[in-house]
Amino acid sequence: MMSLLQRVSEARVEIAGDTAGAIGAGLLVLLCAEPGDTEAVGEKMLAKILKLRIFGDEAGKMNRSVQDMGGGLLIVSQFTLAADTRSGNRPGFTGAAPPALGEALYDAFVRAARAQHPLVQTGRFGADMKVHLVNDGPVTIPLRIANQA
């Protein structure tokens, strides 16, 4: 499973002109399931995201997690993170989980996030979304958790 984390001062996702989810300060989590991923992989990913110290403390050092600072999570499905651009000019997406598995793992990830964190907003799997964000820093962190099975 892979994600791209963006530390934001605010972010929102719109679907057909309506706001589906919005947060103030926190993390925009672009999430991509890969073939062979499981809910356990998603749980490891979530644990890492919630504890990752990428927010400034009183001295301006990256010593605080999204949990420490009470920030929000905006979780958006993003199968294009698995783009294969090694050959040709059109990316391939065989590295992304098939849609049914991707949606199931995305839904499980969101359920787990809501059980462990007080402020979780989402986009909608498979929808044409417009994501608006103000990247704080900018801080953008790629994260990958491999299935160990």
Protein backbone atom coordinates (compact mmCIF):
# COMPACT_ATOMS: atom_id res chain seq x y z
CA MET A 1 0.00 0.00 0.00
CA MET A 2 1.27 3.43 -0.75
CA SER A 3 0.28 6.92 0.24
CA LEU A 4 1.35 10.45 -0.35
CA LEU A 5 0.99 12.63 2.74
CA GLN A 6 0.71 16.37 2.46
CA ARG A 7 0.86 18.49 5.57
CA VAL A 8 -1.83 21.10 5.05
CA SER A 9 -3.18 24.19 6.72
CA GLU A 10 -6.48 23.36 5.01
CA ALA A 11 -7.81 20.94 2.40
CA ARG A 12 -11.10 19.93 0.86
CA VAL A 13 -12.39 17.57 -1.79
CA GLU A 14 -15.30 18.42 -4.08
CA ILE A 15 -17.46 16.04 -6.08
CA ALA A 16 -19.74 17.56 -8.72
CA GLY A 17 -19.32 20.99 -7.11
CA ASP A 18 -20.27 19.83 -3.60
CA THR A 19 -17.78 19.58 -0.75
CA ALA A 20 -17.48 15.91 0.24
CA GLY A 21 -14.89 16.44 2.97
CA ALA A 22 -12.83 19.27 4.42
CA ILE A 23 -10.26 19.78 7.16
CA GLY A 24 -8.25 22.61 8.64
CA ALA A 25 -4.68 21.87 9.70
CA GLY A 26 -3.71 18.23 9.33
CA LEU A 27 -2.86 15.69 6.66
CA LEU A 28 -4.19 15.11 3.18
CA VAL A 29 -3.69 11.37 2.67
CA LEU A 30 -3.70 10.19 -0.95
CA LEU A 31 -4.07 6.41 -0.65
CA CYS A 32 -3.42 3.63 -3.17
CA ALA A 33 -3.94 -0.09 -2.59
CA GLU A 34 -1.77 -2.54 -4.50
CA PRO A 35 -2.45 -6.16 -5.50
CA GLY A 36 -1.81 -8.43 -2.53
CA ASP A 37 -2.52 -5.74 0.07
CA THR A 38 -4.64 -6.68 3.07
CA GLU A 39 -6.45 -4.85 5.84
CA ALA A 40 -3.43 -5.62 8.06
CA VAL A 41 -1.21 -3.66 5.64
CA GLY A 42 -3.68 -0.77 5.85
CA GLU A 43 -3.56 -0.91 9.65
CA LYS A 44 0.25 -0.64 9.57
CA MET A 45 -0.01 2.28 7.16
CA LEU A 46 -2.52 4.05 9.40
CA ALA A 47 -0.40 3.50 12.52
CA LYS A 48 2.60 5.05 10.76
CA ILE A 49 0.57 8.01 9.49
CA LEU A 50 -0.93 8.78 12.90
CA LYS A 51 2.48 8.72 14.63
CA LEU A 52 4.65 10.32 11.94
CA ARG A 53 6.25 13.42 13.46
CA ILE A 54 6.03 16.00 10.69
CA PHE A 55 4.40 18.92 12.52
CA GLY A 56 6.37 21.63 14.25
CA ASP A 57 6.75 21.90 18.00
CA GLU A 58 7.26 25.13 19.96
CA ALA A 59 10.84 25.34 18.63
CA GLY A 60 9.75 24.76 15.02
CA LYS A 61 11.23 21.24 14.88
CA MET A 62 9.25 18.39 13.31
CA ASN A 63 8.46 16.65 16.58
CA ARG A 64 4.68 16.39 16.61
CA SER A 65 2.29 13.95 14.95
CA VAL A 66 -1.16 14.69 13.58
CA GLN A 67 -2.50 13.11 16.79
CA ASP A 68 -0.27 15.29 18.97
CA MET A 69 -1.50 18.48 17.33
CA GLY A 70 -5.16 17.44 17.02
CA GLY A 71 -5.20 17.82 13.24
CA GLY A 72 -7.58 16.35 10.73
CA LEU A 73 -7.16 13.62 8.15
CA LEU A 74 -8.61 14.00 4.67
CA ILE A 75 -8.34 10.56 3.04
CA VAL A 76 -8.68 10.41 -0.75
CA SER A 77 -8.36 7.29 -2.92
CA GLN A 78 -5.65 7.78 -5.55
CA PHE A 79 -4.94 4.75 -7.76
CA THR A 80 -2.68 6.87 -9.98
CA LEU A 81 0.05 6.67 -7.31
CA ALA A 82 0.75 3.24 -8.82
CA ALA A 83 1.46 4.69 -12.26
CA ASP A 84 4.16 2.86 -14.20
CA THR A 85 5.96 5.35 -16.44
CA ARG A 86 9.05 3.28 -17.28
CA SER A 87 8.20 2.97 -20.95
CA GLY A 88 6.12 4.89 -23.42
CA ASN A 89 4.22 8.07 -22.75
CA ARG A 90 1.01 6.64 -21.32
CA PRO A 91 1.23 5.46 -17.72
CA GLY A 92 0.10 1.94 -16.88
CA PHE A 93 -1.84 1.19 -13.73
CA THR A 94 -1.46 -2.57 -13.30
CA GLY A 95 0.40 -1.80 -10.06
CA ALA A 96 -2.86 -0.63 -8.48
CA ALA A 97 -5.24 -3.09 -6.87
CA PRO A 98 -8.28 -4.06 -8.96
CA PRO A 99 -11.20 -1.71 -8.25
CA ALA A 100 -13.16 -4.09 -5.98
CA LEU A 101 -10.12 -4.81 -3.79
CA GLY A 102 -9.04 -1.17 -3.84
CA GLU A 103 -12.45 0.00 -2.67
CA ALA A 104 -12.67 -2.63 0.07
CA LEU A 105 -9.22 -1.71 1.39
CA TYR A 106 -9.95 2.02 1.16
CA ASP A 107 -13.20 1.54 3.10
CA ALA A 108 -11.43 -0.57 5.75
CA PHE A 109 -8.70 2.07 6.07
CA VAL A 110 -11.28 4.82 6.55
CA ARG A 111 -13.18 2.77 9.16
CA ALA A 112 -9.96 2.13 11.09
CA ALA A 113 -8.98 5.81 10.87
CA ARG A 114 -12.38 6.89 12.22
CA ALA A 115 -12.03 4.42 15.10
CA GLN A 116 -8.61 5.81 16.05
CA HIS A 117 -8.74 9.52 15.21
CA PRO A 118 -11.42 12.10 16.02
CA LEU A 119 -11.42 14.10 12.78
CA VAL A 120 -11.53 12.08 9.55
CA GLN A 121 -13.01 13.30 6.29
CA THR A 122 -12.97 11.57 2.91
CA GLY A 123 -13.51 11.79 -0.78
CA ARG A 124 -15.47 9.01 -2.53
CA PHE A 125 -13.81 5.99 -4.10
CA GLY A 126 -13.94 6.10 -7.89
CA ALA A 127 -15.47 9.56 -8.10
CA ASP A 128 -14.14 12.41 -10.24
CA MET A 129 -12.84 14.63 -7.44
CA LYS A 130 -11.35 18.08 -7.24
CA VAL A 131 -8.87 18.32 -4.36
CA HIS A 132 -8.01 21.75 -3.01
CA LEU A 133 -5.20 22.17 -0.51
CA VAL A 134 -2.80 24.60 1.02
CA ASN A 135 0.40 22.61 1.53
CA ASP A 136 2.05 23.75 4.75
CA GLY A 137 5.81 23.98 4.43
CA PRO A 138 5.55 22.55 1.83
CA VAL A 139 5.81 19.11 3.41
CA THR A 140 5.03 16.14 1.17
CA ILE A 141 6.00 12.63 2.30
CA PRO A 142 5.70 9.42 0.24
CA LEU A 143 5.01 6.35 2.36
CA ARG A 144 4.89 2.70 1.35
CA ILE A 145 4.06 -0.34 3.49
CA ALA A 146 4.77 -3.64 1.75
CA ASN A 147 2.71 -6.77 2.27
CA GLN A 148 5.01 -9.20 4.07
CA ALA A 149 2.98 -12.31 3.26
